[in-house]
Amino acid sequence: MTMKVAIIGCGTIANSAHIPAYMKNKEVEIKYFCDIIPERAKAAVEKYGCGIAVTDYKEILKDPEVTAVSVCTPNKEHAYISIDCLRAGKHVLCEKPAARTYAEALEMQKAAQETGKILNIGVVNRFNDSVNRIKEYIDSGKLGEVFHVYVSFRSHRSIPGLGGAFTTKEIAGGGALIDWGVHFLDIVMYCCGDPKPITVTGEAFCKLGKNMKEYVYTSMWAGPPKYDGIYDVDDSITGMIRTEGPVITFNGAWAQNIGEREMYIDFMGDKAGIRLDYGAGFTLYTVENGALVSYKPQFNMTNHFENEINAFVDCIKTGKKLASHIDTVIITAKIMQAIYDSSDQHREIVLG
């Protein structure tokens, strides 16, 4: 008997990742495509040749046949839709970030614990082959003590959908950090064993896109600029996180006046170091027989979104708790909140 699932939000991430992955899983049937824009839901039904198009997610909650949902909406809707689904007896895979704020993420965690239903967050890199190999290297001691991790998620004038949902804090919760940084910080936490954060200091900047009509760019993947819209989020950010494990330093930018795209993570140990090229492979640097050496492991990369969806379906059947469960991922939400709080208050935040 196939498991019936629903897609809530039929935008980019649903069509590029969640829906194709569910379609490839023979144990699953998509029963509903839901979007507040009727044409999007109808287009999904026509494109994939299955399911029912609805505009109100509460119709899904009433259907006892639906076991699980993917929440692929803008960040503003993550918390209340996920909580409603959990309380209706549905298991939930909610896209990253868990929510706009740490307080909202805590409410989501509370609902998952009270209902006993699964709430996983779409930190898809925990299902990435390169990331998992790096974690194995660190866990096995190949790098020795990993004392410092440097994170770079920087691009040249790449603000998405200027004036739209991505650049409106009330909808998105933040900018470059909550959109891109969540993935990078989560990779670090996962590979290093989710160490407890101790102190956080950060500074967020809203500079390059502030005068929207004068912002010069090469492309804007989230749609054309809406000059009557809002731009009140971080387009660049920097800071440091002390943990019970390594110190993490980071520089991130949707937009910088440096014409380079630098998307990587450096894991620095006292025996070896690794540079992960985000979304790709990695290089290991060490010393062997008195010589400096480096090598780039070669392996087949599987689709991490398919891995994520397959693991979600499997954990519903087996009860296995995944590394992407809200109980683990909420650490990253706590760190991001502290970075924003540190920036607002211009001081270091001590975490309990």
C-alpha atoms as a PDB file:
ATOM      1  CA  MET A   1       0.000   0.000   0.000  1.00  0.00           C
ATOM      2  CA  THR A   2       1.471   3.342  -1.053  1.00  0.00           C
ATOM      3  CA  MET A   3       1.883   6.207   1.385  1.00  0.00           C
ATOM      4  CA  LYS A   4      -0.189   9.262   0.458  1.00  0.00           C
ATOM      5  CA  VAL A   5       1.513  12.631   0.801  1.00  0.00           C
ATOM      6  CA  ALA A   6       0.728  16.270   0.065  1.00  0.00           C
ATOM      7  CA  ILE A   7       2.796  19.183  -1.206  1.00  0.00           C
ATOM      8  CA  ILE A   8       1.981  22.528   0.403  1.00  0.00           C
ATOM      9  CA  GLY A   9       3.494  25.297  -1.693  1.00  0.00           C
ATOM     10  CA  CYS A  10       4.139  24.576  -5.378  1.00  0.00           C
ATOM     11  CA  GLY A  11       6.943  27.017  -6.100  1.00  0.00           C
ATOM     12  CA  THR A  12      10.600  26.579  -7.041  1.00  0.00           C
ATOM     13  CA  ILE A  13      11.839  24.228  -4.296  1.00  0.00           C
ATOM     14  CA  ALA A  14       8.778  21.991  -4.611  1.00  0.00           C
ATOM     15  CA  ASN A  15       9.127  21.606  -8.372  1.00  0.00           C
ATOM     16  CA  SER A  16      12.903  21.328  -8.471  1.00  0.00           C
ATOM     17  CA  ALA A  17      13.359  19.015  -5.499  1.00  0.00           C
ATOM     18  CA  HIS A  18      10.464  17.638  -3.425  1.00  0.00           C
ATOM     19  CA  ILE A  19       7.990  16.656  -6.127  1.00  0.00           C
ATOM     20  CA  PRO A  20      10.503  14.939  -8.484  1.00  0.00           C
ATOM     21  CA  ALA A  21      11.960  13.018  -5.527  1.00  0.00           C
ATOM     22  CA  TYR A  22       8.535  11.828  -4.354  1.00  0.00           C
ATOM     23  CA  MET A  23       7.651  10.854  -7.933  1.00  0.00           C
ATOM     24  CA  LYS A  24      10.691   8.568  -8.064  1.00  0.00           C
ATOM     25  CA  ASN A  25       9.795   6.833  -4.798  1.00  0.00           C
ATOM     26  CA  LYS A  26       7.543   3.875  -5.608  1.00  0.00           C
ATOM     27  CA  GLU A  27       6.254   3.720  -2.027  1.00  0.00           C
ATOM     28  CA  VAL A  28       4.638   7.157  -2.290  1.00  0.00           C
ATOM     29  CA  GLU A  29       1.647   8.721  -4.029  1.00  0.00           C
ATOM     30  CA  ILE A  30       1.139  12.488  -4.121  1.00  0.00           C
ATOM     31  CA  LYS A  31      -2.547  13.057  -3.380  1.00  0.00           C
ATOM     32  CA  TYR A  32      -2.616  16.863  -3.110  1.00  0.00           C
ATOM     33  CA  PHE A  33      -0.833  19.838  -4.612  1.00  0.00           C
ATOM     34  CA  CYS A  34      -1.673  22.945  -2.587  1.00  0.00           C
ATOM     35  CA  ASP A  35      -0.864  26.554  -3.377  1.00  0.00           C
ATOM     36  CA  ILE A  36      -2.617  29.852  -2.645  1.00  0.00           C
ATOM     37  CA  ILE A  37      -2.113  30.641  -6.344  1.00  0.00           C
ATOM     38  CA  PRO A  38      -4.622  28.257  -8.014  1.00  0.00           C
ATOM     39  CA  GLU A  39      -2.731  28.159 -11.311  1.00  0.00           C
ATOM     40  CA  ARG A  40       0.386  26.779  -9.599  1.00  0.00           C
ATOM     41  CA  ALA A  41      -1.485  23.898  -7.988  1.00  0.00           C
ATOM     42  CA  LYS A  42      -3.325  23.102 -11.234  1.00  0.00           C
ATOM     43  CA  ALA A  43      -0.089  23.260 -13.223  1.00  0.00           C
ATOM     44  CA  ALA A  44       1.471  20.704 -10.877  1.00  0.00           C
ATOM     45  CA  VAL A  45      -1.458  18.302 -11.359  1.00  0.00           C
ATOM     46  CA  GLU A  46      -1.117  18.635 -15.129  1.00  0.00           C
ATOM     47  CA  LYS A  47       2.668  18.379 -15.153  1.00  0.00           C
ATOM     48  CA  TYR A  48       2.952  15.316 -12.935  1.00  0.00           C
ATOM     49  CA  GLY A  49      -0.258  13.590 -13.947  1.00  0.00           C
ATOM     50  CA  CYS A  50      -1.524  12.918 -10.446  1.00  0.00           C
ATOM     51  CA  GLY A  51      -3.069  14.514  -7.391  1.00  0.00           C
ATOM     52  CA  ILE A  52      -5.771  17.049  -6.608  1.00  0.00           C
ATOM     53  CA  ALA A  53      -5.218  20.811  -6.800  1.00  0.00           C
ATOM     54  CA  VAL A  54      -6.323  22.785  -3.718  1.00  0.00           C
ATOM     55  CA  THR A  55      -5.715  26.324  -2.469  1.00  0.00           C
ATOM     56  CA  ASP A  56      -6.418  25.806   1.258  1.00  0.00           C
ATOM     57  CA  TYR A  57      -4.036  23.477   3.106  1.00  0.00           C
ATOM     58  CA  LYS A  58      -6.732  22.832   5.728  1.00  0.00           C
ATOM     59  CA  GLU A  59      -8.505  20.600   3.207  1.00  0.00           C
ATOM     60  CA  ILE A  60      -5.509  18.272   3.458  1.00  0.00           C
ATOM     61  CA  LEU A  61      -5.711  18.202   7.244  1.00  0.00           C
ATOM     62  CA  LYS A  62      -9.218  16.734   7.054  1.00  0.00           C
ATOM     63  CA  ASP A  63      -8.141  13.808   4.871  1.00  0.00           C
ATOM     64  CA  PRO A  64      -7.186  10.766   6.996  1.00  0.00           C
ATOM     65  CA  GLU A  65      -5.520   9.130   3.979  1.00  0.00           C
ATOM     66  CA  VAL A  66      -2.696  11.679   3.960  1.00  0.00           C
ATOM     67  CA  THR A  67       0.195  10.438   6.092  1.00  0.00           C
ATOM     68  CA  ALA A  68       2.791  13.123   5.445  1.00  0.00           C
ATOM     69  CA  VAL A  69       3.295  16.587   3.952  1.00  0.00           C
ATOM     70  CA  SER A  70       6.133  18.649   2.566  1.00  0.00           C
ATOM     71  CA  VAL A  71       5.864  22.315   3.546  1.00  0.00           C
ATOM     72  CA  CYS A  72       7.480  24.328   0.732  1.00  0.00           C
ATOM     73  CA  THR A  73       6.013  27.765   1.424  1.00  0.00           C
ATOM     74  CA  PRO A  74       7.731  31.088   2.188  1.00  0.00           C
ATOM     75  CA  ASN A  75       9.354  31.158   5.646  1.00  0.00           C
ATOM     76  CA  LYS A  76       6.494  33.115   7.211  1.00  0.00           C
ATOM     77  CA  GLU A  77       4.160  30.138   6.834  1.00  0.00           C
ATOM     78  CA  HIS A  78       6.538  27.398   8.011  1.00  0.00           C
ATOM     79  CA  ALA A  79       5.665  27.440  11.699  1.00  0.00           C
ATOM     80  CA  TYR A  80       1.892  27.638  11.713  1.00  0.00           C
ATOM     81  CA  ILE A  81       1.351  25.291   8.753  1.00  0.00           C
ATOM     82  CA  SER A  82       3.756  22.691  10.176  1.00  0.00           C
ATOM     83  CA  ILE A  83       2.130  22.915  13.612  1.00  0.00           C
ATOM     84  CA  ASP A  84      -1.374  22.563  12.144  1.00  0.00           C
ATOM     85  CA  CYS A  85      -0.266  19.523  10.151  1.00  0.00           C
ATOM     86  CA  LEU A  86       1.345  17.891  13.181  1.00  0.00           C
ATOM     87  CA  ARG A  87      -1.755  18.460  15.284  1.00  0.00           C
ATOM     88  CA  ALA A  88      -3.854  16.927  12.481  1.00  0.00           C
ATOM     89  CA  GLY A  89      -1.768  13.747  12.759  1.00  0.00           C
ATOM     90  CA  LYS A  90       0.490  14.282   9.751  1.00  0.00           C
ATOM     91  CA  HIS A  91       4.255  13.790   9.626  1.00  0.00           C
ATOM     92  CA  VAL A  92       6.050  16.878   8.281  1.00  0.00           C
ATOM     93  CA  LEU A  93       9.106  17.674   6.198  1.00  0.00           C
ATOM     94  CA  CYS A  94       9.411  21.478   6.346  1.00  0.00           C
ATOM     95  CA  GLU A  95      11.832  23.278   4.080  1.00  0.00           C
ATOM     96  CA  LYS A  96      14.675  25.247   5.634  1.00  0.00           C
ATOM     97  CA  PRO A  97      14.884  27.384   7.637  1.00  0.00           C
ATOM     98  CA  ALA A  98      12.677  25.809  10.284  1.00  0.00           C
ATOM     99  CA  ALA A  99      11.120  29.232  10.903  1.00  0.00           C
ATOM    100  CA  ARG A 100      11.800  32.965  10.822  1.00  0.00           C
ATOM    101  CA  THR A 101      12.854  33.049  14.471  1.00  0.00           C
ATOM    102  CA  TYR A 102      14.130  30.721  17.167  1.00  0.00           C
ATOM    103  CA  ALA A 103      10.902  31.286  19.143  1.00  0.00           C
ATOM    104  CA  GLU A 104       8.829  29.998  16.218  1.00  0.00           C
ATOM    105  CA  ALA A 105      11.138  26.993  15.828  1.00  0.00           C
ATOM    106  CA  LEU A 106      10.656  26.171  19.521  1.00  0.00           C
ATOM    107  CA  GLU A 107       6.882  26.176  19.020  1.00  0.00           C
ATOM    108  CA  MET A 108       7.305  23.745  16.137  1.00  0.00           C
ATOM    109  CA  GLN A 109       9.493  21.473  18.260  1.00  0.00           C
ATOM    110  CA  LYS A 110       6.938  21.582  21.080  1.00  0.00           C
ATOM    111  CA  ALA A 111       4.134  20.528  18.709  1.00  0.00           C
ATOM    112  CA  ALA A 112       6.222  17.634  17.389  1.00  0.00           C
ATOM    113  CA  GLN A 113       6.973  16.435  20.899  1.00  0.00           C
ATOM    114  CA  GLU A 114       3.362  16.753  22.035  1.00  0.00           C
ATOM    115  CA  THR A 115       1.903  14.946  19.016  1.00  0.00           C
ATOM    116  CA  GLY A 116       4.590  12.303  18.639  1.00  0.00           C
ATOM    117  CA  LYS A 117       4.713  12.999  14.913  1.00  0.00           C
ATOM    118  CA  ILE A 118       7.896  13.429  12.909  1.00  0.00           C
ATOM    119  CA  LEU A 119       9.063  16.940  12.087  1.00  0.00           C
ATOM    120  CA  ASN A 120      12.129  17.023   9.846  1.00  0.00           C
ATOM    121  CA  ILE A 121      13.651  20.204   8.455  1.00  0.00           C
ATOM    122  CA  GLY A 122      14.966  20.469   4.892  1.00  0.00           C
ATOM    123  CA  VAL A 123      18.659  20.747   5.723  1.00  0.00           C
ATOM    124  CA  VAL A 124      19.332  18.621   2.666  1.00  0.00           C
ATOM    125  CA  ASN A 125      23.118  18.675   2.968  1.00  0.00           C
ATOM    126  CA  ARG A 126      22.868  16.148   5.799  1.00  0.00           C
ATOM    127  CA  PHE A 127      22.013  13.718   2.976  1.00  0.00           C
ATOM    128  CA  ASN A 128      24.839  14.867   0.692  1.00  0.00           C
ATOM    129  CA  ASP A 129      27.556  12.336  -0.182  1.00  0.00           C
ATOM    130  CA  SER A 130      30.475  14.790   0.117  1.00  0.00           C
ATOM    131  CA  VAL A 131      29.236  16.082   3.463  1.00  0.00           C
ATOM    132  CA  ASN A 132      28.787  12.592   4.868  1.00  0.00           C
ATOM    133  CA  ARG A 133      32.271  11.547   3.768  1.00  0.00           C
ATOM    134  CA  ILE A 134      33.726  14.585   5.513  1.00  0.00           C
ATOM    135  CA  LYS A 135      31.786  13.704   8.658  1.00  0.00           C
ATOM    136  CA  GLU A 136      33.224  10.180   8.499  1.00  0.00           C
ATOM    137  CA  TYR A 137      36.760  11.597   8.160  1.00  0.00           C
ATOM    138  CA  ILE A 138      36.243  13.869  11.178  1.00  0.00           C
ATOM    139  CA  ASP A 139      34.587  11.145  13.282  1.00  0.00           C
ATOM    140  CA  SER A 140      37.417   8.716  12.521  1.00  0.00           C
ATOM    141  CA  GLY A 141      40.055  11.218  13.659  1.00  0.00           C
ATOM    142  CA  LYS A 142      41.638  11.691  10.230  1.00  0.00           C
ATOM    143  CA  LEU A 143      41.737  15.465  10.734  1.00  0.00           C
ATOM    144  CA  GLY A 144      42.777  15.238  14.379  1.00  0.00           C
ATOM    145  CA  GLU A 145      41.265  18.002  16.484  1.00  0.00           C
ATOM    146  CA  VAL A 146      39.094  20.246  14.329  1.00  0.00           C
ATOM    147  CA  PHE A 147      39.705  23.531  16.128  1.00  0.00           C
ATOM    148  CA  HIS A 148      38.527  26.092  13.556  1.00  0.00           C
ATOM    149  CA  VAL A 149      36.021  26.060  10.702  1.00  0.00           C
ATOM    150  CA  TYR A 150      35.827  28.934   8.219  1.00  0.00           C
ATOM    151  CA  VAL A 151      32.637  29.407   6.208  1.00  0.00           C
ATOM    152  CA  SER A 152      32.263  31.490   3.045  1.00  0.00           C
ATOM    153  CA  PHE A 153      28.936  31.963   1.261  1.00  0.00           C
ATOM    154  CA  ARG A 154      29.636  35.053  -0.809  1.00  0.00           C
ATOM    155  CA  SER A 155      28.466  36.140  -4.221  1.00  0.00           C
ATOM    156  CA  HIS A 156      28.657  39.211  -6.448  1.00  0.00           C
ATOM    157  CA  ARG A 157      25.352  41.128  -6.560  1.00  0.00           C
ATOM    158  CA  SER A 158      22.995  38.143  -6.320  1.00  0.00           C
ATOM    159  CA  ILE A 159      20.068  39.478  -4.279  1.00  0.00           C
ATOM    160  CA  PRO A 160      17.060  37.281  -5.200  1.00  0.00           C
ATOM    161  CA  GLY A 161      13.725  38.858  -6.110  1.00  0.00           C
ATOM    162  CA  LEU A 162      14.546  42.386  -4.993  1.00  0.00           C
ATOM    163  CA  GLY A 163      11.516  43.875  -3.218  1.00  0.00           C
ATOM    164  CA  GLY A 164       9.731  40.508  -2.948  1.00  0.00           C
ATOM    165  CA  ALA A 165       9.359  37.805  -0.293  1.00  0.00           C
ATOM    166  CA  PHE A 166      13.099  37.092  -0.057  1.00  0.00           C
ATOM    167  CA  THR A 167      13.941  40.691   0.858  1.00  0.00           C
ATOM    168  CA  THR A 168      11.014  41.312   3.216  1.00  0.00           C
ATOM    169  CA  LYS A 169      11.981  40.514   6.811  1.00  0.00           C
ATOM    170  CA  GLU A 170       8.385  40.031   7.936  1.00  0.00           C
ATOM    171  CA  ILE A 171       8.055  37.194   5.410  1.00  0.00           C
ATOM    172  CA  ALA A 172      11.558  35.692   5.268  1.00  0.00           C
ATOM    173  CA  GLY A 173      12.899  36.482   8.734  1.00  0.00           C
ATOM    174  CA  GLY A 174      16.232  37.592   7.278  1.00  0.00           C
ATOM    175  CA  GLY A 175      18.357  37.663   4.164  1.00  0.00           C
ATOM    176  CA  ALA A 176      21.666  36.080   3.200  1.00  0.00           C
ATOM    177  CA  LEU A 177      22.129  34.356   6.566  1.00  0.00           C
ATOM    178  CA  ILE A 178      18.727  32.713   6.830  1.00  0.00           C
ATOM    179  CA  ASP A 179      18.601  31.887   3.102  1.00  0.00           C
ATOM    180  CA  TRP A 180      22.154  30.677   2.360  1.00  0.00           C
ATOM    181  CA  GLY A 181      23.907  30.673   5.708  1.00  0.00           C
ATOM    182  CA  VAL A 182      21.508  28.167   7.256  1.00  0.00           C
ATOM    183  CA  HIS A 183      22.839  25.472   4.904  1.00  0.00           C
ATOM    184  CA  PHE A 184      26.499  26.280   5.528  1.00  0.00           C
ATOM    185  CA  LEU A 185      26.222  26.527   9.312  1.00  0.00           C
ATOM    186  CA  ASP A 186      24.168  23.347   9.425  1.00  0.00           C
ATOM    187  CA  ILE A 187      26.856  21.464   7.482  1.00  0.00           C
ATOM    188  CA  VAL A 188      29.452  22.583  10.027  1.00  0.00           C
ATOM    189  CA  MET A 189      27.307  21.572  12.977  1.00  0.00           C
ATOM    190  CA  TYR A 190      26.503  18.182  11.440  1.00  0.00           C
ATOM    191  CA  CYS A 191      30.080  17.315  10.465  1.00  0.00           C
ATOM    192  CA  CYS A 192      31.421  18.378  13.864  1.00  0.00           C
ATOM    193  CA  GLY A 193      28.848  16.419  15.876  1.00  0.00           C
ATOM    194  CA  ASP A 194      26.408  19.258  16.619  1.00  0.00           C
ATOM    195  CA  PRO A 195      28.572  20.890  19.328  1.00  0.00           C
ATOM    196  CA  LYS A 196      26.850  23.112  21.873  1.00  0.00           C
ATOM    197  CA  PRO A 197      27.198  26.820  20.988  1.00  0.00           C
ATOM    198  CA  ILE A 198      28.619  28.986  23.780  1.00  0.00           C
ATOM    199  CA  THR A 199      28.923  32.545  22.475  1.00  0.00           C
ATOM    200  CA  VAL A 200      27.976  34.260  19.242  1.00  0.00           C
ATOM    201  CA  THR A 201      28.985  37.587  17.773  1.00  0.00           C
ATOM    202  CA  GLY A 202      27.880  38.901  14.406  1.00  0.00           C
ATOM    203  CA  GLU A 203      27.172  41.933  12.296  1.00  0.00           C
ATOM    204  CA  ALA A 204      24.579  42.061   9.536  1.00  0.00           C
ATOM    205  CA  PHE A 205      24.571  44.697   6.795  1.00  0.00           C
ATOM    206  CA  CYS A 206      21.746  45.982   4.602  1.00  0.00           C
ATOM    207  CA  LYS A 207      23.681  48.087   2.105  1.00  0.00           C
ATOM    208  CA  LEU A 208      23.802  47.225  -1.591  1.00  0.00           C
ATOM    209  CA  GLY A 209      20.095  46.714  -2.260  1.00  0.00           C
ATOM    210  CA  LYS A 210      18.801  49.466  -0.022  1.00  0.00           C
ATOM    211  CA  ASN A 211      18.379  51.909  -2.902  1.00  0.00           C
ATOM    212  CA  MET A 212      16.560  49.358  -5.049  1.00  0.00           C
ATOM    213  CA  LYS A 213      16.216  51.409  -8.218  1.00  0.00           C
ATOM    214  CA  GLU A 214      19.984  51.968  -8.381  1.00  0.00           C
ATOM    215  CA  TYR A 215      20.932  48.349  -7.637  1.00  0.00           C
ATOM    216  CA  VAL A 216      22.881  46.926 -10.598  1.00  0.00           C
ATOM    217  CA  TYR A 217      22.857  43.159 -11.131  1.00  0.00           C
ATOM    218  CA  THR A 218      23.421  40.524 -13.810  1.00  0.00           C
ATOM    219  CA  SER A 219      20.426  38.284 -13.083  1.00  0.00           C
ATOM    220  CA  MET A 220      17.699  37.818 -10.484  1.00  0.00           C
ATOM    221  CA  TRP A 221      16.522  34.207 -10.264  1.00  0.00           C
ATOM    222  CA  ALA A 222      13.586  34.821  -7.893  1.00  0.00           C
ATOM    223  CA  GLY A 223      11.805  37.115 -10.305  1.00  0.00           C
ATOM    224  CA  PRO A 224      12.144  40.712 -11.550  1.00  0.00           C
ATOM    225  CA  PRO A 225      12.576  43.561  -9.050  1.00  0.00           C
ATOM    226  CA  LYS A 226       9.469  44.963  -7.347  1.00  0.00           C
ATOM    227  CA  TYR A 227      10.474  48.537  -6.788  1.00  0.00           C
ATOM    228  CA  ASP A 228       7.351  49.248  -4.755  1.00  0.00           C
ATOM    229  CA  GLY A 229       8.266  46.346  -2.454  1.00  0.00           C
ATOM    230  CA  ILE A 230      10.400  46.069   0.675  1.00  0.00           C
ATOM    231  CA  TYR A 231      14.125  45.640   1.218  1.00  0.00           C
ATOM    232  CA  ASP A 232      14.966  45.358   4.928  1.00  0.00           C
ATOM    233  CA  VAL A 233      17.114  42.212   5.254  1.00  0.00           C
ATOM    234  CA  ASP A 234      20.827  41.451   5.424  1.00  0.00           C
ATOM    235  CA  ASP A 235      22.619  41.318   2.080  1.00  0.00           C
ATOM    236  CA  SER A 236      25.901  40.525   3.859  1.00  0.00           C
ATOM    237  CA  ILE A 237      26.909  39.209   7.269  1.00  0.00           C
ATOM    238  CA  THR A 238      29.994  38.270   9.248  1.00  0.00           C
ATOM    239  CA  GLY A 239      30.749  36.835  12.660  1.00  0.00           C
ATOM    240  CA  MET A 240      32.128  34.195  14.975  1.00  0.00           C
ATOM    241  CA  ILE A 241      30.617  31.327  16.961  1.00  0.00           C
ATOM    242  CA  ARG A 242      32.406  29.676  19.867  1.00  0.00           C
ATOM    243  CA  THR A 243      31.234  26.130  20.532  1.00  0.00           C
ATOM    244  CA  GLU A 244      32.266  23.254  22.790  1.00  0.00           C
ATOM    245  CA  GLY A 245      33.992  21.989  19.648  1.00  0.00           C
ATOM    246  CA  PRO A 246      35.553  24.237  17.017  1.00  0.00           C
ATOM    247  CA  VAL A 247      35.393  27.994  16.678  1.00  0.00           C
ATOM    248  CA  ILE A 248      33.368  28.892  13.569  1.00  0.00           C
ATOM    249  CA  THR A 249      34.006  32.104  11.640  1.00  0.00           C
ATOM    250  CA  PHE A 250      31.944  33.134   8.635  1.00  0.00           C
ATOM    251  CA  ASN A 251      31.506  35.700   5.880  1.00  0.00           C
ATOM    252  CA  GLY A 252      28.341  35.658   3.819  1.00  0.00           C
ATOM    253  CA  ALA A 253      26.874  37.901   1.158  1.00  0.00           C
ATOM    254  CA  TRP A 254      24.088  37.825  -1.379  1.00  0.00           C
ATOM    255  CA  ALA A 255      25.773  40.912  -2.722  1.00  0.00           C
ATOM    256  CA  GLN A 256      29.309  42.205  -2.424  1.00  0.00           C
ATOM    257  CA  ASN A 257      31.379  44.606  -4.484  1.00  0.00           C
ATOM    258  CA  ILE A 258      33.905  41.866  -5.161  1.00  0.00           C
ATOM    259  CA  GLY A 259      33.370  39.990  -8.416  1.00  0.00           C
ATOM    260  CA  GLU A 260      33.873  36.524  -7.004  1.00  0.00           C
ATOM    261  CA  ARG A 261      31.541  33.726  -5.950  1.00  0.00           C
ATOM    262  CA  GLU A 262      33.109  31.963  -2.973  1.00  0.00           C
ATOM    263  CA  MET A 263      31.035  29.056  -1.679  1.00  0.00           C
ATOM    264  CA  TYR A 264      33.131  26.780   0.485  1.00  0.00           C
ATOM    265  CA  ILE A 265      33.818  25.521   4.008  1.00  0.00           C
ATOM    266  CA  ASP A 266      37.306  24.969   5.452  1.00  0.00           C
ATOM    267  CA  PHE A 267      37.570  22.367   8.228  1.00  0.00           C
ATOM    268  CA  MET A 268      40.936  22.944   9.907  1.00  0.00           C
ATOM    269  CA  GLY A 269      42.349  20.183  12.071  1.00  0.00           C
ATOM    270  CA  ASP A 270      45.773  19.701  13.639  1.00  0.00           C
ATOM    271  CA  LYS A 271      46.440  16.597  11.497  1.00  0.00           C
ATOM    272  CA  ALA A 272      44.678  17.542   8.255  1.00  0.00           C
ATOM    273  CA  GLY A 273      42.278  20.002   6.748  1.00  0.00           C
ATOM    274  CA  ILE A 274      39.463  19.825   4.235  1.00  0.00           C
ATOM    275  CA  ARG A 275      37.962  22.383   1.868  1.00  0.00           C
ATOM    276  CA  LEU A 276      34.414  21.490   0.826  1.00  0.00           C
ATOM    277  CA  ASP A 277      33.251  23.177  -2.362  1.00  0.00           C
ATOM    278  CA  TYR A 278      29.588  23.706  -1.631  1.00  0.00           C
ATOM    279  CA  GLY A 279      27.376  21.314  -3.585  1.00  0.00           C
ATOM    280  CA  ALA A 280      30.385  19.521  -5.056  1.00  0.00           C
ATOM    281  CA  GLY A 281      33.471  17.598  -3.971  1.00  0.00           C
ATOM    282  CA  PHE A 282      36.231  18.316  -1.481  1.00  0.00           C
ATOM    283  CA  THR A 283      40.018  18.400  -1.156  1.00  0.00           C
ATOM    284  CA  LEU A 284      41.990  17.047   1.815  1.00  0.00           C
ATOM    285  CA  TYR A 285      45.336  18.605   2.819  1.00  0.00           C
ATOM    286  CA  THR A 286      47.789  16.827   5.123  1.00  0.00           C
ATOM    287  CA  VAL A 287      51.388  15.666   5.631  1.00  0.00           C
ATOM    288  CA  GLU A 288      52.562  12.183   4.653  1.00  0.00           C
ATOM    289  CA  ASN A 289      56.124  10.838   4.971  1.00  0.00           C
ATOM    290  CA  GLY A 290      57.521  14.291   5.579  1.00  0.00           C
ATOM    291  CA  ALA A 291      55.820  15.834   2.554  1.00  0.00           C
ATOM    292  CA  LEU A 292      52.856  18.131   2.043  1.00  0.00           C
ATOM    293  CA  VAL A 293      50.151  16.338   0.090  1.00  0.00           C
ATOM    294  CA  SER A 294      46.624  17.012  -1.065  1.00  0.00           C
ATOM    295  CA  TYR A 295      44.105  14.842  -2.813  1.00  0.00           C
ATOM    296  CA  LYS A 296      40.551  15.048  -4.054  1.00  0.00           C
ATOM    297  CA  PRO A 297      38.499  11.874  -3.454  1.00  0.00           C
ATOM    298  CA  GLN A 298      36.511  10.736  -6.486  1.00  0.00           C
ATOM    299  CA  PHE A 299      33.083   9.165  -6.028  1.00  0.00           C
ATOM    300  CA  ASN A 300      29.624   9.139  -7.579  1.00  0.00           C
ATOM    301  CA  MET A 301      27.321  11.789  -6.146  1.00  0.00           C
ATOM    302  CA  THR A 302      23.736  10.710  -5.592  1.00  0.00           C
ATOM    303  CA  ASN A 303      20.893  13.251  -5.594  1.00  0.00           C
ATOM    304  CA  HIS A 304      20.698  14.552  -2.042  1.00  0.00           C
ATOM    305  CA  PHE A 305      17.073  15.645  -2.375  1.00  0.00           C
ATOM    306  CA  GLU A 306      16.116  12.116  -3.365  1.00  0.00           C
ATOM    307  CA  ASN A 307      18.143  10.818  -0.425  1.00  0.00           C
ATOM    308  CA  GLU A 308      16.324  13.222   1.885  1.00  0.00           C
ATOM    309  CA  ILE A 309      12.829  12.314   0.661  1.00  0.00           C
ATOM    310  CA  ASN A 310      13.582   8.578   0.707  1.00  0.00           C
ATOM    311  CA  ALA A 311      14.903   8.856   4.266  1.00  0.00           C
ATOM    312  CA  PHE A 312      11.797  10.820   5.315  1.00  0.00           C
ATOM    313  CA  VAL A 313       9.478   8.150   3.906  1.00  0.00           C
ATOM    314  CA  ASP A 314      11.550   5.397   5.505  1.00  0.00           C
ATOM    315  CA  CYS A 315      11.673   7.028   8.935  1.00  0.00           C
ATOM    316  CA  ILE A 316       7.876   7.303   8.998  1.00  0.00           C
ATOM    317  CA  LYS A 317       7.702   3.534   8.510  1.00  0.00           C
ATOM    318  CA  THR A 318      10.513   2.587  10.878  1.00  0.00           C
ATOM    319  CA  GLY A 319      10.358   5.309  13.538  1.00  0.00           C
ATOM    320  CA  LYS A 320      14.066   6.046  13.040  1.00  0.00           C
ATOM    321  CA  LYS A 321      15.056   9.554  14.113  1.00  0.00           C
ATOM    322  CA  LEU A 322      16.974  11.306  11.334  1.00  0.00           C
ATOM    323  CA  ALA A 323      19.806  13.812  11.676  1.00  0.00           C
ATOM    324  CA  SER A 324      17.434  16.393  10.163  1.00  0.00           C
ATOM    325  CA  HIS A 325      14.891  16.092  12.996  1.00  0.00           C
ATOM    326  CA  ILE A 326      13.786  19.348  14.614  1.00  0.00           C
ATOM    327  CA  ASP A 327      15.401  18.302  17.923  1.00  0.00           C
ATOM    328  CA  THR A 328      18.818  18.502  16.243  1.00  0.00           C
ATOM    329  CA  VAL A 329      18.320  21.216  13.645  1.00  0.00           C
ATOM    330  CA  ILE A 330      16.952  23.661  16.198  1.00  0.00           C
ATOM    331  CA  ILE A 331      20.566  24.287  17.303  1.00  0.00           C
ATOM    332  CA  THR A 332      21.196  26.091  14.005  1.00  0.00           C
ATOM    333  CA  ALA A 333      18.019  28.142  14.501  1.00  0.00           C
ATOM    334  CA  LYS A 334      19.311  29.165  17.929  1.00  0.00           C
ATOM    335  CA  ILE A 335      22.674  30.202  16.473  1.00  0.00           C
ATOM    336  CA  MET A 336      21.137  32.263  13.652  1.00  0.00           C
ATOM    337  CA  GLN A 337      18.837  34.044  16.105  1.00  0.00           C
ATOM    338  CA  ALA A 338      21.860  34.869  18.268  1.00  0.00           C
ATOM    339  CA  ILE A 339      23.755  36.230  15.235  1.00  0.00           C
ATOM    340  CA  TYR A 340      20.878  38.567  14.410  1.00  0.00           C
ATOM    341  CA  ASP A 341      20.478  39.542  18.083  1.00  0.00           C
ATOM    342  CA  SER A 342      24.207  40.250  18.325  1.00  0.00           C
ATOM    343  CA  SER A 343      24.020  42.473  15.253  1.00  0.00           C
ATOM    344  CA  ASP A 344      20.987  44.363  16.551  1.00  0.00           C
ATOM    345  CA  GLN A 345      22.598  44.917  19.970  1.00  0.00           C
ATOM    346  CA  HIS A 346      26.199  45.314  18.707  1.00  0.00           C
ATOM    347  CA  ARG A 347      27.517  42.947  21.374  1.00  0.00           C
ATOM    348  CA  GLU A 348      28.394  39.319  21.931  1.00  0.00           C
ATOM    349  CA  ILE A 349      25.551  36.983  22.906  1.00  0.00           C
ATOM    350  CA  VAL A 350      26.177  34.352  25.574  1.00  0.00           C
ATOM    351  CA  LEU A 351      24.017  31.260  25.067  1.00  0.00           C
ATOM    352  CA  GLY A 352      22.780  29.124  27.959  1.00  0.00           C
END
